[in-house]
């Protein structure tokens, strides 16, 4: 993870441990989840049962390259299905490592397979008669494309797409706890998370103190080589960093106030510092769009 997409080592270790927890959770609860459940409908014998659907294609993103795959694959396989992974092209070493984990654990050869193909070939895979369903975690445009093809082929689909989630701080909030939560929720994985706290909405009563405390909290975070003990590593690519910087600049030009960061550092790497904007309003990229960075 650190080498392929820039995640700091400590965060990568935590992600791997979370995957192990997920495996334990489903291993301990699978029998209960899959148990036939009788229901009272007034008929002689009514029940709910979970049946395998077949082979499931998972189109997975680079930002949590282990967690997203295990989250899709483990319950899929436990329910009696096979899993085919189409991972992001920039994390293929992670994809290969995951396939090795399943094989080393004793799973049959073709129960979980990593399919190394470009995104342009995904539609052909969905069309294949052996694929019963598809799930995607990724961008909205990618979700639309997969949903359209799956709908055309009448195949079940589950999508988890991007967003711009607000974090609301009310009058009676514990501001120290709120600042800690907002900081962690925004800089984890250099802010490259679909569920990051991307917009912070605070009441007038707490505005001044919250902003001051948040700025101080962000200033303490260390950015650097993901192989070192840092809080923020590089973004996934120069292009992603430049797109984020453009969104920040356009928001400032539209009236947002820059309190921290907002500049591209000198030197190598796709680094972008923790950036804090205030007076963000509808019509600005920072309000209307997903800012996928710190």
Protein backbone atom coordinates (compact mmCIF):
# COMPACT_ATOMS: atom_id res chain seq x y z
CA UNK A 1 0.00 0.00 0.00
CA UNK A 2 2.74 2.45 0.91
CA UNK A 3 4.69 1.71 -2.25
CA UNK A 4 1.77 1.64 -4.69
CA UNK A 5 -0.62 4.36 -3.51
CA UNK A 6 1.21 6.25 -0.76
CA UNK A 7 -0.60 5.13 2.40
CA UNK A 8 1.52 5.63 5.55
CA UNK A 9 2.72 2.35 7.03
CA UNK A 10 0.77 2.71 10.28
CA UNK A 11 -2.48 3.24 8.38
CA UNK A 12 -1.70 0.30 6.10
CA UNK A 13 -1.08 -1.98 9.09
CA UNK A 14 -4.38 -0.84 10.61
CA UNK A 15 -6.14 -1.64 7.33
CA UNK A 16 -4.65 -5.14 7.23
CA UNK A 17 -5.71 -5.74 10.84
CA UNK A 18 -9.22 -4.58 10.00
CA UNK A 19 -9.32 -7.16 7.20
CA UNK A 20 -8.30 -9.88 9.66
CA UNK A 21 -11.06 -8.74 12.02
CA UNK A 22 -13.59 -8.96 9.17
CA UNK A 23 -12.52 -12.52 8.40
CA UNK A 24 -12.90 -13.47 12.06
CA UNK A 25 -16.30 -11.78 12.25
CA UNK A 26 -17.77 -13.63 9.29
CA UNK A 27 -16.11 -16.87 10.33
CA UNK A 28 -17.74 -16.65 13.75
CA UNK A 29 -21.17 -15.55 12.49
CA UNK A 30 -21.55 -17.21 9.09
CA UNK A 31 -23.66 -20.12 10.33
CA UNK A 32 -26.11 -17.77 12.03
CA UNK A 33 -26.28 -15.44 9.02
CA UNK A 34 -26.98 -18.30 6.61
CA UNK A 35 -29.40 -20.19 8.81
CA UNK A 36 -32.87 -20.75 7.40
CA UNK A 37 -35.27 -18.35 9.11
CA UNK A 38 -38.91 -19.32 9.47
CA UNK A 39 -41.49 -16.53 9.31
CA UNK A 40 -45.17 -16.41 10.14
CA UNK A 41 -47.24 -15.54 7.07
CA UNK A 42 -50.34 -17.55 7.88
CA UNK A 43 -49.37 -20.30 5.42
CA UNK A 44 -48.17 -23.80 6.23
CA UNK A 45 -44.44 -23.24 5.78
CA UNK A 46 -42.83 -19.87 5.03
CA UNK A 47 -39.15 -19.16 5.45
CA UNK A 48 -36.28 -16.98 4.29
CA UNK A 49 -33.18 -18.71 3.00
CA UNK A 50 -29.95 -17.38 1.50
CA UNK A 51 -28.91 -19.15 -1.70
CA UNK A 52 -25.69 -18.66 -3.71
CA UNK A 53 -26.10 -16.59 -6.85
CA UNK A 54 -22.92 -17.72 -8.62
CA UNK A 55 -19.86 -15.79 -9.70
CA UNK A 56 -19.66 -12.17 -8.51
CA UNK A 57 -17.43 -9.55 -10.13
CA UNK A 58 -16.00 -6.93 -7.78
CA UNK A 59 -14.62 -3.72 -9.33
CA UNK A 60 -12.58 -2.24 -6.50
CA UNK A 61 -10.74 1.08 -5.90
CA UNK A 62 -7.15 1.88 -5.02
CA UNK A 63 -7.73 4.00 -1.89
CA UNK A 64 -8.29 1.10 0.52
CA UNK A 65 -6.82 -1.65 -1.64
CA UNK A 66 -7.08 -4.46 0.92
CA UNK A 67 -10.16 -3.51 2.96
CA UNK A 68 -12.48 -2.90 0.03
CA UNK A 69 -11.61 -6.26 -1.49
CA UNK A 70 -12.02 -8.28 1.70
CA UNK A 71 -15.26 -6.43 2.49
CA UNK A 72 -16.64 -7.62 -0.85
CA UNK A 73 -15.03 -11.04 -1.17
CA UNK A 74 -15.35 -12.64 2.26
CA UNK A 75 -19.16 -12.43 2.69
CA UNK A 76 -19.57 -13.24 -1.01
CA UNK A 77 -17.61 -16.47 -0.65
CA UNK A 78 -19.14 -17.40 2.70
CA UNK A 79 -22.56 -17.19 1.06
CA UNK A 80 -21.44 -19.86 -1.40
CA UNK A 81 -20.39 -17.70 -4.35
CA UNK A 82 -17.18 -17.28 -6.28
CA UNK A 83 -15.43 -13.90 -6.43
CA UNK A 84 -13.63 -12.29 -9.36
CA UNK A 85 -11.60 -9.17 -8.58
CA UNK A 86 -10.99 -6.38 -11.07
CA UNK A 87 -8.76 -4.12 -8.99
CA UNK A 88 -7.48 -0.64 -9.80
CA UNK A 89 -4.50 -0.81 -12.14
CA UNK A 90 -2.17 1.07 -9.77
CA UNK A 91 -2.50 -1.47 -6.91
CA UNK A 92 -1.90 -4.76 -8.70
CA UNK A 93 0.74 -5.86 -6.18
CA UNK A 94 -1.94 -5.55 -3.51
CA UNK A 95 -4.35 -7.52 -5.69
CA UNK A 96 -1.82 -10.30 -6.22
CA UNK A 97 -1.06 -10.39 -2.49
CA UNK A 98 -4.76 -10.78 -1.68
CA UNK A 99 -5.10 -13.67 -4.12
CA UNK A 100 -2.10 -15.31 -2.46
CA UNK A 101 -3.74 -14.91 0.96
CA UNK A 102 -6.79 -16.86 -0.20
CA UNK A 103 -4.68 -19.59 -1.77
CA UNK A 104 -2.38 -19.85 1.26
CA UNK A 105 -5.46 -20.16 3.48
CA UNK A 106 -6.49 -23.27 1.54
CA UNK A 107 -9.23 -21.89 -0.68
CA UNK A 108 -9.72 -23.70 -4.03
CA UNK A 109 -7.79 -22.24 -6.94
CA UNK A 110 -10.66 -20.53 -8.75
CA UNK A 111 -12.88 -19.51 -5.84
CA UNK A 112 -11.17 -16.11 -5.70
CA UNK A 113 -9.24 -14.80 -8.68
CA UNK A 114 -7.58 -11.51 -9.52
CA UNK A 115 -8.37 -10.52 -13.10
CA UNK A 116 -5.65 -8.25 -14.52
CA UNK A 117 -7.40 -6.25 -17.23
CA UNK A 118 -7.84 -2.56 -18.11
CA UNK A 119 -11.04 -0.77 -17.15
CA UNK A 120 -12.08 -0.75 -20.79
CA UNK A 121 -12.60 -4.54 -20.63
CA UNK A 122 -14.99 -4.54 -17.65
CA UNK A 123 -18.10 -4.41 -19.83
CA UNK A 124 -17.04 -7.60 -21.60
CA UNK A 125 -16.65 -9.34 -18.26
CA UNK A 126 -20.11 -8.21 -17.13
CA UNK A 127 -21.56 -9.55 -20.38
CA UNK A 128 -20.02 -12.98 -19.78
CA UNK A 129 -22.67 -15.57 -18.96
CA UNK A 130 -20.66 -16.91 -16.02
CA UNK A 131 -20.96 -13.58 -14.15
CA UNK A 132 -24.14 -13.49 -12.07
CA UNK A 133 -23.71 -10.14 -10.33
CA UNK A 134 -21.38 -7.18 -10.05
CA UNK A 135 -20.41 -4.82 -7.26
CA UNK A 136 -18.39 -1.63 -7.59
CA UNK A 137 -16.81 0.77 -5.15
CA UNK A 138 -15.54 3.87 -6.90
CA UNK A 139 -16.43 7.11 -8.61
CA UNK A 140 -19.89 8.16 -9.71
CA UNK A 141 -19.00 8.01 -13.45
CA UNK A 142 -17.61 4.49 -13.03
CA UNK A 143 -20.73 3.50 -11.11
CA UNK A 144 -22.99 4.83 -13.85
CA UNK A 145 -21.08 2.88 -16.49
CA UNK A 146 -21.20 -0.39 -14.56
CA UNK A 147 -24.86 0.08 -13.60
CA UNK A 148 -25.79 0.72 -17.24
CA UNK A 149 -24.07 -2.43 -18.49
CA UNK A 150 -25.35 -4.57 -15.62
CA UNK A 151 -28.87 -3.28 -16.23
CA UNK A 152 -28.58 -4.08 -19.91
CA UNK A 153 -27.55 -7.63 -18.99
CA UNK A 154 -30.16 -7.89 -16.18
CA UNK A 155 -27.56 -8.67 -13.54
CA UNK A 156 -27.80 -7.75 -9.88
CA UNK A 157 -25.68 -4.76 -8.90
CA UNK A 158 -24.41 -3.15 -5.71
CA UNK A 159 -22.70 0.25 -5.92
CA UNK A 160 -20.82 2.33 -3.35
CA UNK A 161 -19.92 5.67 -4.87
CA UNK A 162 -18.29 8.95 -3.86
CA UNK A 163 -19.82 11.74 -1.88
CA UNK A 164 -19.26 14.98 0.00
CA UNK A 165 -20.34 14.13 3.52
CA UNK A 166 -21.00 16.94 6.01
CA UNK A 167 -19.95 16.79 9.65
CA UNK A 168 -22.31 18.92 11.74
CA UNK A 169 -21.12 20.51 15.01
CA UNK A 170 -24.07 21.74 17.09
CA UNK A 171 -24.19 24.20 20.00
CA UNK A 172 -23.84 21.51 22.67
CA UNK A 173 -20.99 19.63 20.98
CA UNK A 174 -17.82 18.62 22.82
CA UNK A 175 -15.48 20.74 20.70
CA UNK A 176 -12.29 18.91 21.65
CA UNK A 177 -13.85 15.62 20.61
CA UNK A 178 -15.30 17.19 17.47
CA UNK A 179 -11.93 18.61 16.41
CA UNK A 180 -10.24 15.26 16.98
CA UNK A 181 -12.91 13.42 15.01
CA UNK A 182 -12.93 15.92 12.15
CA UNK A 183 -9.15 15.91 11.86
CA UNK A 184 -8.93 12.13 11.81
CA UNK A 185 -11.91 11.83 9.49
CA UNK A 186 -10.37 14.19 6.96
CA UNK A 187 -6.68 13.37 6.83
CA UNK A 188 -6.91 9.57 6.97
CA UNK A 189 -5.42 8.23 3.76
CA UNK A 190 -4.56 11.83 2.79
CA UNK A 191 -8.28 12.58 2.64
CA UNK A 192 -8.80 10.08 -0.17
CA UNK A 193 -11.87 8.38 1.24
CA UNK A 194 -15.44 8.31 0.00
CA UNK A 195 -16.72 8.65 3.59
CA UNK A 196 -14.32 11.37 4.76
CA UNK A 197 -15.75 14.38 6.59
CA UNK A 198 -15.42 16.64 3.58
CA UNK A 199 -17.56 19.58 4.74
CA UNK A 200 -17.72 20.83 8.32
CA UNK A 201 -20.84 22.73 9.34
CA UNK A 202 -20.59 24.53 12.69
CA UNK A 203 -23.02 26.80 14.54
CA UNK A 204 -22.20 30.48 15.05
CA UNK A 205 -21.78 29.92 18.78
CA UNK A 206 -18.85 27.54 18.25
CA UNK A 207 -17.49 28.85 14.96
CA UNK A 208 -14.51 30.86 16.17
CA UNK A 209 -13.24 28.38 18.76
CA UNK A 210 -13.80 25.36 16.53
CA UNK A 211 -11.98 26.86 13.56
CA UNK A 212 -9.04 27.94 15.71
CA UNK A 213 -8.74 24.52 17.34
CA UNK A 214 -9.11 22.68 14.04
CA UNK A 215 -6.43 24.78 12.39
CA UNK A 216 -4.04 24.07 15.26
CA UNK A 217 -4.82 20.35 15.06
CA UNK A 218 -4.10 20.26 11.33
CA UNK A 219 -0.86 22.22 11.74
CA UNK A 220 0.49 19.48 14.01
CA UNK A 221 0.09 16.75 11.40
CA UNK A 222 3.27 15.52 9.74
CA UNK A 223 3.35 15.04 5.97
CA UNK A 224 6.08 13.00 4.32
CA UNK A 225 7.39 9.66 3.06
CA UNK A 226 4.75 6.98 3.76
CA UNK A 227 7.55 4.61 4.79
CA UNK A 228 8.26 6.92 7.75
CA UNK A 229 6.20 7.70 10.85
CA UNK A 230 3.95 10.33 9.27
CA UNK A 231 0.28 11.31 9.41
CA UNK A 232 -0.14 12.19 5.74
CA UNK A 233 1.55 10.58 2.78
CA UNK A 234 1.43 11.64 -0.87
CA UNK A 235 -1.76 11.57 -2.87
CA UNK A 236 -2.19 8.75 -5.32
CA UNK A 237 -0.87 10.70 -8.33
CA UNK A 238 0.29 14.09 -9.56
CA UNK A 239 -2.88 14.36 -11.64
CA UNK A 240 -5.08 13.77 -8.58
CA UNK A 241 -3.10 16.36 -6.61
CA UNK A 242 -3.38 18.91 -9.39
CA UNK A 243 -7.13 18.33 -9.73
CA UNK A 244 -7.58 18.92 -6.00
CA UNK A 245 -5.46 22.07 -6.13
CA UNK A 246 -7.57 23.39 -9.00
CA UNK A 247 -10.74 22.83 -6.96
CA UNK A 248 -9.21 24.72 -4.04
CA UNK A 249 -8.16 27.62 -6.26
CA UNK A 250 -11.57 27.85 -7.90
CA UNK A 251 -13.25 27.86 -4.49
CA UNK A 252 -10.98 30.69 -3.32
CA UNK A 253 -11.67 32.65 -6.50
CA UNK A 254 -15.39 32.23 -5.78
CA UNK A 255 -15.03 33.73 -2.30
CA UNK A 256 -13.81 31.00 0.05
CA UNK A 257 -11.20 32.10 2.59
CA UNK A 258 -7.96 30.13 2.83
CA UNK A 259 -6.81 29.67 6.44
CA UNK A 260 -4.24 26.91 6.01
CA UNK A 261 -2.37 25.10 3.26
CA UNK A 262 -3.63 25.50 -0.26
CA UNK A 263 -0.26 25.37 -2.01
CA UNK A 264 1.66 22.71 -3.91
CA UNK A 265 4.91 21.96 -2.03
CA UNK A 266 8.25 22.13 -3.78
CA UNK A 267 10.02 18.86 -4.49
CA UNK A 268 9.07 15.43 -5.74
CA UNK A 269 5.93 13.50 -4.95
CA UNK A 270 2.19 14.13 -5.17
CA UNK A 271 2.03 15.85 -1.80
CA UNK A 272 -0.68 18.30 -0.79
CA UNK A 273 -0.77 19.88 2.67
CA UNK A 274 -3.77 19.90 5.03
CA UNK A 275 -5.91 22.73 3.70
CA UNK A 276 -8.62 24.63 5.54
CA UNK A 277 -11.21 26.81 3.80
CA UNK A 278 -13.95 28.84 5.45
CA UNK A 279 -16.92 30.79 4.10
CA UNK A 280 -17.61 27.93 1.70
CA UNK A 281 -20.98 28.28 0.00
CA UNK A 282 -23.11 26.48 -2.59
CA UNK A 283 -21.75 27.08 -6.06
CA UNK A 284 -18.14 26.57 -4.97
CA UNK A 285 -16.27 23.36 -5.81
CA UNK A 286 -15.51 22.86 -2.11
CA UNK A 287 -19.27 22.70 -1.45
CA UNK A 288 -20.67 21.11 -4.59
CA UNK A 289 -17.94 18.64 -5.54
CA UNK A 290 -16.06 15.83 -3.83
CA UNK A 291 -12.61 17.08 -2.81
CA UNK A 292 -10.58 13.89 -2.68
CA UNK A 293 -7.63 15.03 -0.59
CA UNK A 294 -6.56 16.51 2.75
